[in-house]
């Protein structure tokens, strides 16, 4: 058995973390095990599950631009003490240059950078990330990404043929539509049978643009559209979301369920999924929604390659445009795509197949690198 060291800030619920856990749950752990090196000092939401599956969680100091040396020394000392790791797989965008540089100096033969987003920022921060990206290409041995947009953003077009595509794959059985679960969950949430339930599954972070979704719901109400908005997730903007919900008079139409362990059941209760994000990589939550057969409306900041079923509409961030689109969809009647699972599987997003491919890559690459 080989052990892979994954480097992240935390293993709390988030896009990259959810994607990684999907692979971890489905990979053959008698052959490949995942361990995690984190800078989050508090216990993380996925940590108990990781330990139950045989993984180990380690911590080093937080990486800061003002004083990176505690982090650098922490990673260096860790790798010296744990020489068993021959593959280091980093998920921290351009900042991966730092731990992969340390890993190179410590003699780790396989150093993987994994791009999960298609936005590198702007201004000073964007400049720093660009500079780190140049360095990254010199210290990483292998490049992975969630899609073409992320590859171009972090590595450049010249790396499209050098980067391994690792899809944000999902469990088809877990997320496929089940009418009985839908009825049970909607009853538990006291949702009217004739209401169109719009949903968002994401952390409450500014980039996800939940406040825009509230404005859209208010516009739908002005059009006398019988709609509800279901927020699955939590985060720093919760109080602001609650305040705006009250200001707009939507407290009877917005449901905040917080962090949950049964996201698939909440998808069953929805009729459409919204993603008005300012930018995204290739969001696994939209792949999950499509497996369920749901219609999706996303912003133009979401990569078009996430549309693997033909059921995703991309719109500019204009409240009236979104409200018109959703109202028209409600009027014509929202139906699930009965061929959704087949389409998603054909696009390569079946986790059982994708995890096997990643497992074989790990096993093969370890044999050829010294």
Protein backbone atom coordinates (compact mmCIF):
# COMPACT_ATOMS: atom_id res chain seq x y z
CA UNK A 1 0.00 0.00 0.00
CA UNK A 2 1.21 3.52 -0.80
CA UNK A 3 0.27 6.64 1.14
CA UNK A 4 -0.38 9.94 -0.64
CA UNK A 5 0.15 13.20 1.24
CA UNK A 6 -2.51 15.76 0.29
CA UNK A 7 -1.76 19.37 1.19
CA UNK A 8 -4.63 21.81 1.85
CA UNK A 9 -5.56 24.59 4.25
CA UNK A 10 -8.37 22.58 5.85
CA UNK A 11 -10.67 19.60 5.38
CA UNK A 12 -13.88 21.45 6.13
CA UNK A 13 -16.76 21.26 3.67
CA UNK A 14 -15.91 23.05 0.45
CA UNK A 15 -15.62 22.35 -3.26
CA UNK A 16 -12.08 20.99 -3.45
CA UNK A 17 -12.50 19.17 -0.15
CA UNK A 18 -15.76 17.53 -1.25
CA UNK A 19 -14.18 16.43 -4.52
CA UNK A 20 -11.20 14.93 -2.69
CA UNK A 21 -13.42 13.10 -0.21
CA UNK A 22 -15.45 11.62 -3.09
CA UNK A 23 -12.26 10.08 -4.46
CA UNK A 24 -11.09 8.98 -1.03
CA UNK A 25 -14.34 7.14 -0.30
CA UNK A 26 -14.21 5.25 -3.58
CA UNK A 27 -10.53 4.50 -4.08
CA UNK A 28 -9.22 1.06 -3.10
CA UNK A 29 -7.75 1.93 0.29
CA UNK A 30 -5.96 -1.43 0.57
CA UNK A 31 -3.73 -0.17 -2.27
CA UNK A 32 -3.76 3.62 -1.85
CA UNK A 33 -4.28 5.61 1.36
CA UNK A 34 -4.72 9.36 1.74
CA UNK A 35 -3.11 11.43 4.48
CA UNK A 36 -3.52 15.19 4.94
CA UNK A 37 -1.17 18.03 5.87
CA UNK A 38 -3.23 21.07 6.92
CA UNK A 39 -2.66 24.61 8.16
CA UNK A 40 -6.07 24.83 9.89
CA UNK A 41 -5.29 24.26 13.55
CA UNK A 42 -8.81 23.37 14.64
CA UNK A 43 -10.39 19.97 14.04
CA UNK A 44 -12.06 19.87 10.62
CA UNK A 45 -15.51 18.68 9.58
CA UNK A 46 -14.23 15.75 7.51
CA UNK A 47 -11.56 14.73 10.00
CA UNK A 48 -13.51 12.02 11.82
CA UNK A 49 -14.45 10.34 8.53
CA UNK A 50 -10.85 10.53 7.35
CA UNK A 51 -9.66 8.76 10.49
CA UNK A 52 -12.37 6.12 10.16
CA UNK A 53 -11.10 5.32 6.66
CA UNK A 54 -7.53 4.93 7.89
CA UNK A 55 -6.22 8.37 6.97
CA UNK A 56 -3.96 10.52 9.09
CA UNK A 57 -4.22 14.27 9.63
CA UNK A 58 -1.15 16.39 10.40
CA UNK A 59 -0.73 20.13 10.90
CA UNK A 60 1.87 22.80 10.21
CA UNK A 61 1.76 26.59 10.80
CA UNK A 62 -0.30 28.78 8.49
CA UNK A 63 1.45 30.08 5.37
CA UNK A 64 1.54 33.89 5.31
CA UNK A 65 3.23 36.24 2.85
CA UNK A 66 4.56 38.39 5.71
CA UNK A 67 6.37 35.48 7.38
CA UNK A 68 6.40 32.22 5.40
CA UNK A 69 9.28 30.63 7.34
CA UNK A 70 7.26 28.89 10.10
CA UNK A 71 5.29 27.14 7.35
CA UNK A 72 8.36 26.31 5.27
CA UNK A 73 10.20 24.90 8.28
CA UNK A 74 7.09 23.01 9.37
CA UNK A 75 6.74 21.28 5.99
CA UNK A 76 10.49 20.60 5.80
CA UNK A 77 10.63 19.04 9.25
CA UNK A 78 7.51 17.00 8.57
CA UNK A 79 8.86 15.52 5.33
CA UNK A 80 12.19 14.72 6.96
CA UNK A 81 10.37 12.85 9.72
CA UNK A 82 8.04 11.11 7.23
CA UNK A 83 10.27 9.94 4.41
CA UNK A 84 7.64 7.34 3.43
CA UNK A 85 5.82 9.90 1.28
CA UNK A 86 6.95 9.61 -2.34
CA UNK A 87 3.89 11.46 -3.70
CA UNK A 88 2.88 14.89 -2.45
CA UNK A 89 -0.37 16.22 -3.94
CA UNK A 90 -1.04 19.90 -3.26
CA UNK A 91 -4.42 21.63 -3.66
CA UNK A 92 -3.57 25.22 -2.65
CA UNK A 93 -3.54 26.87 -6.12
CA UNK A 94 -0.37 28.85 -6.86
CA UNK A 95 0.67 28.69 -3.21
CA UNK A 96 1.37 25.02 -3.91
CA UNK A 97 4.73 26.30 -5.17
CA UNK A 98 5.92 26.64 -1.58
CA UNK A 99 5.29 23.11 -0.21
CA UNK A 100 6.25 21.52 -3.54
CA UNK A 101 9.54 23.44 -3.50
CA UNK A 102 10.18 22.12 0.00
CA UNK A 103 9.21 18.61 -1.16
CA UNK A 104 11.66 18.88 -4.06
CA UNK A 105 14.46 19.85 -1.67
CA UNK A 106 13.51 16.90 0.54
CA UNK A 107 13.79 14.50 -2.40
CA UNK A 108 10.11 13.68 -2.93
CA UNK A 109 10.02 12.33 -6.52
CA UNK A 110 6.34 12.97 -7.39
CA UNK A 111 5.07 16.49 -6.71
CA UNK A 112 1.54 17.16 -7.95
CA UNK A 113 -0.12 20.55 -8.29
CA UNK A 114 -3.92 20.43 -8.58
CA UNK A 115 -5.88 23.46 -9.89
CA UNK A 116 -9.46 23.72 -8.61
CA UNK A 117 -10.50 27.21 -9.75
CA UNK A 118 -10.48 29.40 -12.85
CA UNK A 119 -9.79 32.73 -11.17
CA UNK A 120 -6.37 33.87 -9.97
CA UNK A 121 -7.49 37.21 -8.55
CA UNK A 122 -6.40 40.72 -9.50
CA UNK A 123 -4.31 43.59 -8.23
CA UNK A 124 -1.40 42.92 -5.86
CA UNK A 125 -2.73 39.53 -4.80
CA UNK A 126 -3.16 38.49 -8.42
CA UNK A 127 0.40 39.57 -9.16
CA UNK A 128 1.76 37.53 -6.27
CA UNK A 129 -0.18 34.49 -7.42
CA UNK A 130 1.12 34.93 -10.96
CA UNK A 131 4.69 35.04 -9.69
CA UNK A 132 4.11 31.93 -7.60
CA UNK A 133 2.60 30.25 -10.66
CA UNK A 134 5.85 30.77 -12.58
CA UNK A 135 7.77 29.20 -9.71
CA UNK A 136 5.22 26.41 -9.43
CA UNK A 137 5.99 25.13 -12.92
CA UNK A 138 9.61 24.67 -11.91
CA UNK A 139 8.99 22.66 -8.75
CA UNK A 140 5.96 20.52 -9.66
CA UNK A 141 6.54 17.30 -11.58
CA UNK A 142 2.89 16.72 -12.52
CA UNK A 143 -0.12 18.92 -13.15
CA UNK A 144 -3.80 18.17 -12.57
CA UNK A 145 -6.94 20.26 -12.86
CA UNK A 146 -10.72 20.07 -12.71
CA UNK A 147 -11.11 21.37 -16.26
CA UNK A 148 -9.81 23.41 -19.15
CA UNK A 149 -10.56 26.79 -17.56
CA UNK A 150 -8.59 25.98 -14.41
CA UNK A 151 -5.69 24.64 -16.49
CA UNK A 152 -5.43 27.82 -18.56
CA UNK A 153 -5.82 30.06 -15.52
CA UNK A 154 -3.07 28.48 -13.42
CA UNK A 155 -0.72 26.87 -15.94
CA UNK A 156 -1.41 28.53 -19.31
CA UNK A 157 -2.71 27.22 -22.64
CA UNK A 158 0.61 25.55 -23.35
CA UNK A 159 -0.12 23.17 -20.46
CA UNK A 160 -3.45 21.87 -21.82
CA UNK A 161 -1.73 18.77 -23.18
CA UNK A 162 0.52 18.41 -20.13
CA UNK A 163 -2.22 18.48 -17.49
CA UNK A 164 -4.17 15.47 -16.29
CA UNK A 165 -7.92 16.07 -16.16
CA UNK A 166 -9.33 14.81 -12.85
CA UNK A 167 -13.11 15.31 -13.04
CA UNK A 168 -15.12 16.48 -10.05
CA UNK A 169 -16.83 13.10 -10.17
CA UNK A 170 -19.77 12.03 -8.02
CA UNK A 171 -21.57 8.91 -6.82
CA UNK A 172 -24.30 8.24 -9.39
CA UNK A 173 -26.36 6.05 -7.07
CA UNK A 174 -26.24 8.55 -4.22
CA UNK A 175 -27.42 11.54 -6.25
CA UNK A 176 -29.86 10.01 -8.75
CA UNK A 177 -33.50 11.05 -8.46
CA UNK A 178 -35.83 9.24 -6.04
CA UNK A 179 -39.46 10.42 -5.97
CA UNK A 180 -40.20 8.88 -2.57
CA UNK A 181 -37.25 10.69 -0.94
CA UNK A 182 -38.39 13.91 -2.61
CA UNK A 183 -41.88 13.63 -1.15
CA UNK A 184 -40.56 12.80 2.32
CA UNK A 185 -38.05 15.66 2.40
CA UNK A 186 -40.50 18.25 1.07
CA UNK A 187 -43.05 17.18 3.69
CA UNK A 188 -40.41 17.46 6.43
CA UNK A 189 -39.55 20.98 5.25
CA UNK A 190 -43.26 21.86 5.02
CA UNK A 191 -42.89 22.88 1.39
CA UNK A 192 -46.15 23.31 -0.56
CA UNK A 193 -46.56 20.67 -3.24
CA UNK A 194 -47.20 23.35 -5.87
CA UNK A 195 -44.21 25.56 -4.96
CA UNK A 196 -41.13 25.73 -7.20
CA UNK A 197 -38.16 25.22 -4.90
CA UNK A 198 -34.94 26.94 -5.95
CA UNK A 199 -31.80 25.76 -4.22
CA UNK A 200 -28.20 26.74 -3.54
CA UNK A 201 -25.66 24.30 -2.10
CA UNK A 202 -22.54 26.21 -1.08
CA UNK A 203 -20.74 27.88 1.77
CA UNK A 204 -21.94 31.37 2.72
CA UNK A 205 -19.02 33.24 1.16
CA UNK A 206 -19.05 36.50 -0.86
CA UNK A 207 -17.88 34.79 -4.06
CA UNK A 208 -21.00 32.56 -4.01
CA UNK A 209 -23.28 35.65 -4.25
CA UNK A 210 -26.19 34.50 -2.07
CA UNK A 211 -27.46 38.08 -1.74
CA UNK A 212 -28.04 38.20 -5.49
CA UNK A 213 -30.18 35.06 -5.21
CA UNK A 214 -32.34 36.84 -2.62
CA UNK A 215 -32.83 39.75 -5.01
CA UNK A 216 -33.87 37.29 -7.72
CA UNK A 217 -36.40 35.67 -5.40
CA UNK A 218 -37.85 39.10 -4.53
CA UNK A 219 -38.19 39.85 -8.26
CA UNK A 220 -39.95 36.51 -8.77
CA UNK A 221 -42.38 37.36 -5.99
CA UNK A 222 -43.18 40.64 -7.75
CA UNK A 223 -44.03 38.53 -10.80
CA UNK A 224 -46.38 36.49 -8.55
CA UNK A 225 -44.27 33.39 -9.00
CA UNK A 226 -44.86 30.70 -6.36
CA UNK A 227 -41.22 30.07 -5.46
CA UNK A 228 -39.19 29.19 -2.39
CA UNK A 229 -35.44 29.44 -1.89
CA UNK A 230 -33.55 26.71 -0.05
CA UNK A 231 -30.01 27.48 1.16
CA UNK A 232 -27.89 24.45 2.10
CA UNK A 233 -24.65 25.48 3.78
CA UNK A 234 -23.30 27.98 6.29
CA UNK A 235 -20.52 30.50 6.69
CA UNK A 236 -19.42 34.04 7.41
CA UNK A 237 -22.31 35.74 5.59
CA UNK A 238 -25.12 34.03 7.48
CA UNK A 239 -26.16 37.09 9.49
CA UNK A 240 -26.07 39.30 6.40
CA UNK A 241 -28.22 36.81 4.51
CA UNK A 242 -30.71 36.63 7.38
CA UNK A 243 -30.84 40.44 7.59
CA UNK A 244 -31.47 40.89 3.87
CA UNK A 245 -34.12 38.16 3.94
CA UNK A 246 -36.02 40.19 6.54
CA UNK A 247 -35.50 43.51 4.73
CA UNK A 248 -36.95 42.03 1.54
CA UNK A 249 -39.85 40.47 3.43
CA UNK A 250 -38.88 36.96 2.36
CA UNK A 251 -38.75 35.22 5.75
CA UNK A 252 -41.63 32.92 4.75
CA UNK A 253 -39.98 31.98 1.47
CA UNK A 254 -36.32 31.41 2.41
CA UNK A 255 -35.18 28.29 4.26
CA UNK A 256 -31.67 28.09 5.72
CA UNK A 257 -30.91 24.50 6.69
CA UNK A 258 -27.23 24.98 7.62
CA UNK A 259 -24.57 22.31 7.24
CA UNK A 260 -26.10 18.89 6.64
CA UNK A 261 -24.87 15.35 6.06
CA UNK A 262 -27.65 14.42 3.63
CA UNK A 263 -27.19 16.91 0.78
CA UNK A 264 -28.59 14.43 -1.80
CA UNK A 265 -31.92 14.39 0.03
CA UNK A 266 -32.15 18.17 -0.13
CA UNK A 267 -31.43 18.08 -3.86
CA UNK A 268 -34.39 15.71 -4.20
CA UNK A 269 -36.61 18.41 -2.68
CA UNK A 270 -35.50 21.07 -5.18
CA UNK A 271 -36.85 21.88 -8.62
CA UNK A 272 -33.98 24.06 -9.86
CA UNK A 273 -30.48 24.90 -8.66
CA UNK A 274 -28.93 28.37 -8.75
CA UNK A 275 -25.24 29.30 -8.85
CA UNK A 276 -24.81 33.08 -9.21
CA UNK A 277 -21.12 32.92 -8.24
CA UNK A 278 -18.71 35.63 -9.35
CA UNK A 279 -16.29 32.86 -10.35
CA UNK A 280 -15.85 29.10 -9.95
CA UNK A 281 -13.56 26.28 -10.96
CA UNK A 282 -15.70 23.35 -12.01
CA UNK A 283 -18.20 23.07 -9.13
CA UNK A 284 -18.90 19.51 -8.02
CA UNK A 285 -22.24 20.66 -6.58
CA UNK A 286 -23.51 21.38 -10.10
CA UNK A 287 -22.45 17.95 -11.29
CA UNK A 288 -24.39 16.46 -8.36
CA UNK A 289 -27.43 18.56 -9.26
CA UNK A 290 -27.29 17.38 -12.85
CA UNK A 291 -27.07 13.72 -11.80
CA UNK A 292 -30.34 14.37 -9.97
CA UNK A 293 -31.82 15.60 -13.24
CA UNK A 294 -32.19 19.19 -12.06
CA UNK A 295 -32.25 22.27 -14.27
CA UNK A 296 -29.46 24.71 -13.35
CA UNK A 297 -29.12 28.45 -13.81
CA UNK A 298 -25.55 29.67 -13.37
CA UNK A 299 -23.65 32.91 -13.82
CA UNK A 300 -21.23 33.49 -16.66
CA UNK A 301 -18.50 33.22 -14.01
CA UNK A 302 -19.08 29.46 -13.95
CA UNK A 303 -17.16 27.48 -16.64
CA UNK A 304 -19.46 26.29 -19.42
CA UNK A 305 -17.79 22.89 -19.39
CA UNK A 306 -19.77 22.08 -16.21
CA UNK A 307 -22.83 21.63 -18.43
CA UNK A 308 -22.61 17.89 -19.08
CA UNK A 309 -26.36 17.27 -19.59
CA UNK A 310 -27.51 20.28 -21.59
CA UNK A 311 -29.60 21.40 -18.61
CA UNK A 312 -27.50 24.40 -17.55
CA UNK A 313 -28.29 27.98 -18.59
CA UNK A 314 -25.60 30.64 -18.14
CA UNK A 315 -26.71 34.23 -17.52
CA UNK A 316 -25.03 37.56 -16.72
CA UNK A 317 -25.54 38.82 -13.19
CA UNK A 318 -28.65 40.89 -13.88
CA UNK A 319 -31.58 40.35 -11.50
CA UNK A 320 -34.26 40.99 -14.12
CA UNK A 321 -32.65 38.61 -16.60
CA UNK A 322 -32.52 35.84 -13.99
CA UNK A 323 -36.08 36.49 -12.79
CA UNK A 324 -37.42 36.42 -16.36
CA UNK A 325 -35.63 33.17 -17.12
CA UNK A 326 -36.80 31.44 -13.94
CA UNK A 327 -40.37 32.71 -14.22
CA UNK A 328 -40.58 31.40 -17.79
CA UNK A 329 -39.22 28.04 -16.70
CA UNK A 330 -41.75 27.80 -13.86
CA UNK A 331 -44.58 28.75 -16.22
CA UNK A 332 -43.71 25.99 -18.69
CA UNK A 333 -43.37 23.43 -15.91
CA UNK A 334 -40.07 22.21 -14.45
CA UNK A 335 -39.29 18.58 -15.20
CA UNK A 336 -36.30 16.44 -14.34
CA UNK A 337 -34.13 14.94 -17.05
CA UNK A 338 -34.75 11.19 -17.02
CA UNK A 339 -31.51 10.60 -19.01
CA UNK A 340 -29.36 12.65 -16.64
CA UNK A 341 -27.41 9.80 -15.03
CA UNK A 342 -26.53 8.34 -18.41
CA UNK A 343 -25.34 11.71 -19.72
CA UNK A 344 -23.18 12.46 -16.67
CA UNK A 345 -21.61 9.00 -16.76
CA UNK A 346 -20.80 9.33 -20.45
CA UNK A 347 -19.11 12.66 -19.72
CA UNK A 348 -16.68 10.90 -17.36
CA UNK A 349 -18.07 12.02 -14.00
CA UNK A 350 -18.84 8.62 -12.46
CA UNK A 351 -16.71 8.49 -9.30
CA UNK A 352 -16.40 4.71 -9.40
CA UNK A 353 -14.68 4.93 -12.78
CA UNK A 354 -12.74 8.15 -12.12
CA UNK A 355 -11.35 6.97 -8.77
CA UNK A 356 -10.06 3.79 -10.40
CA UNK A 357 -8.20 5.87 -13.00
CA UNK A 358 -6.60 8.08 -10.32
CA UNK A 359 -5.65 5.03 -8.26
CA UNK A 360 -3.92 3.42 -11.27
CA UNK A 361 -2.09 6.67 -11.99
CA UNK A 362 -0.72 6.79 -8.45
CA UNK A 363 0.33 3.14 -8.62
CA UNK A 364 2.03 3.52 -12.01
CA UNK A 365 3.80 6.82 -11.39
CA UNK A 366 5.38 5.55 -8.18
CA UNK A 367 7.01 2.74 -10.15
CA UNK A 368 8.68 5.04 -12.66
CA UNK A 369 10.03 7.83 -10.44
CA UNK A 370 13.12 7.69 -8.27
